Amino acid sequence: MKMRELRELADQELIDKIEDIRVELFNLRFQKAQNRLENPNRIRVLKKDLTRIFTLQTERKSDQAESTER
């Protein structure tokens, strides 16, 4: 997912997305352990998506803190 797409999501939608990604990562790791993983690159893509979401959440918290200080 691109940052542009993530920025359009609400906070609760981001939380739901995090949960979905974590479940999918768990399943992919399980498949990898059984040597049944079809697309190993998918793990990397999901980890990057998760990091993008965490970065966006941090940005939003920072923006909220700045707006309350003014």
C-alpha atoms as a PDB file:
ATOM      1  CA  MET A   1       0.000   0.000   0.000  1.00  0.00           C
ATOM      2  CA  LYS A   2       1.169   3.495  -0.711  1.00  0.00           C
ATOM      3  CA  MET A   3       1.340   6.246   1.895  1.00  0.00           C
ATOM      4  CA  ARG A   4      -1.142   8.279  -0.121  1.00  0.00           C
ATOM      5  CA  GLU A   5      -3.703   5.502   0.257  1.00  0.00           C
ATOM      6  CA  LEU A   6      -2.962   5.069   3.949  1.00  0.00           C
ATOM      7  CA  ARG A   7      -3.343   8.779   4.690  1.00  0.00           C
ATOM      8  CA  GLU A   8      -6.938   8.602   3.453  1.00  0.00           C
ATOM      9  CA  LEU A   9      -7.836   5.996   6.091  1.00  0.00           C
ATOM     10  CA  ALA A  10      -9.222   6.894   9.506  1.00  0.00           C
ATOM     11  CA  ASP A  11      -7.438   5.899  12.704  1.00  0.00           C
ATOM     12  CA  GLN A  12      -9.719   2.932  13.361  1.00  0.00           C
ATOM     13  CA  GLU A  13      -9.294   1.711   9.798  1.00  0.00           C
ATOM     14  CA  LEU A  14      -5.520   1.783  10.278  1.00  0.00           C
ATOM     15  CA  ILE A  15      -5.851  -0.279  13.449  1.00  0.00           C
ATOM     16  CA  ASP A  16      -7.985  -2.798  11.573  1.00  0.00           C
ATOM     17  CA  LYS A  17      -5.419  -2.871   8.767  1.00  0.00           C
ATOM     18  CA  ILE A  18      -2.640  -3.581  11.278  1.00  0.00           C
ATOM     19  CA  GLU A  19      -4.577  -6.527  12.643  1.00  0.00           C
ATOM     20  CA  ASP A  20      -5.236  -7.897   9.147  1.00  0.00           C
ATOM     21  CA  ILE A  21      -1.563  -7.615   8.220  1.00  0.00           C
ATOM     22  CA  ARG A  22      -0.445  -9.331  11.422  1.00  0.00           C
ATOM     23  CA  VAL A  23      -2.805 -12.236  10.798  1.00  0.00           C
ATOM     24  CA  GLU A  24      -1.606 -12.580   7.220  1.00  0.00           C
ATOM     25  CA  LEU A  25       2.045 -12.441   8.328  1.00  0.00           C
ATOM     26  CA  PHE A  26       1.377 -15.169  10.858  1.00  0.00           C
ATOM     27  CA  ASN A  27      -0.166 -17.368   8.182  1.00  0.00           C
ATOM     28  CA  LEU A  28       2.700 -16.712   5.776  1.00  0.00           C
ATOM     29  CA  ARG A  29       5.286 -17.573   8.419  1.00  0.00           C
ATOM     30  CA  PHE A  30       3.403 -20.777   9.128  1.00  0.00           C
ATOM     31  CA  GLN A  31       3.430 -21.644   5.414  1.00  0.00           C
ATOM     32  CA  LYS A  32       7.141 -20.840   5.249  1.00  0.00           C
ATOM     33  CA  ALA A  33       7.860 -23.229   8.101  1.00  0.00           C
ATOM     34  CA  GLN A  34       6.076 -25.964   6.172  1.00  0.00           C
ATOM     35  CA  ASN A  35       7.891 -25.088   2.920  1.00  0.00           C
ATOM     36  CA  ARG A  36       4.580 -24.285   1.226  1.00  0.00           C
ATOM     37  CA  LEU A  37       5.128 -20.562   0.728  1.00  0.00           C
ATOM     38  CA  GLU A  38       4.296 -19.579  -2.856  1.00  0.00           C
ATOM     39  CA  ASN A  39       5.409 -15.936  -2.784  1.00  0.00           C
ATOM     40  CA  PRO A  40       8.207 -15.245  -0.267  1.00  0.00           C
ATOM     41  CA  ASN A  41       8.315 -11.575  -1.290  1.00  0.00           C
ATOM     42  CA  ARG A  42       4.832 -11.086   0.189  1.00  0.00           C
ATOM     43  CA  ILE A  43       6.306 -11.205   3.719  1.00  0.00           C
ATOM     44  CA  ARG A  44       8.623  -8.312   2.900  1.00  0.00           C
ATOM     45  CA  VAL A  45       5.802  -6.279   1.346  1.00  0.00           C
ATOM     46  CA  LEU A  46       3.572  -6.772   4.390  1.00  0.00           C
ATOM     47  CA  LYS A  47       6.350  -5.790   6.800  1.00  0.00           C
ATOM     48  CA  LYS A  48       6.911  -2.584   4.845  1.00  0.00           C
ATOM     49  CA  ASP A  49       3.177  -1.844   4.861  1.00  0.00           C
ATOM     50  CA  LEU A  50       3.107  -2.367   8.624  1.00  0.00           C
ATOM     51  CA  THR A  51       6.016   0.026   9.060  1.00  0.00           C
ATOM     52  CA  ARG A  52       4.296   2.637   6.892  1.00  0.00           C
ATOM     53  CA  ILE A  53       1.182   2.433   9.049  1.00  0.00           C
ATOM     54  CA  PHE A  54       3.207   2.792  12.253  1.00  0.00           C
ATOM     55  CA  THR A  55       5.001   5.811  10.761  1.00  0.00           C
ATOM     56  CA  LEU A  56       1.692   7.399   9.818  1.00  0.00           C
ATOM     57  CA  GLN A  57       0.307   6.840  13.319  1.00  0.00           C
ATOM     58  CA  THR A  58       3.403   8.489  14.810  1.00  0.00           C
ATOM     59  CA  GLU A  59       3.009  11.458  12.461  1.00  0.00           C
ATOM     60  CA  ARG A  60      -0.621  11.867  13.447  1.00  0.00           C
ATOM     61  CA  LYS A  61       0.204  11.741  17.158  1.00  0.00           C
ATOM     62  CA  SER A  62       2.930  14.313  16.630  1.00  0.00           C
ATOM     63  CA  ASP A  63       0.555  16.595  14.716  1.00  0.00           C
ATOM     64  CA  GLN A  64      -2.056  16.293  17.468  1.00  0.00           C
ATOM     65  CA  ALA A  65       0.524  17.139  20.135  1.00  0.00           C
ATOM     66  CA  GLU A  66       1.647  20.209  18.190  1.00  0.00           C
ATOM     67  CA  SER A  67      -1.907  21.413  17.665  1.00  0.00           C
ATOM     68  CA  THR A  68      -2.748  21.108  21.381  1.00  0.00           C
ATOM     69  CA  GLU A  69       0.384  23.068  22.363  1.00  0.00           C
ATOM     70  CA  ARG A  70      -0.665  26.084  20.303  1.00  0.00           C
END
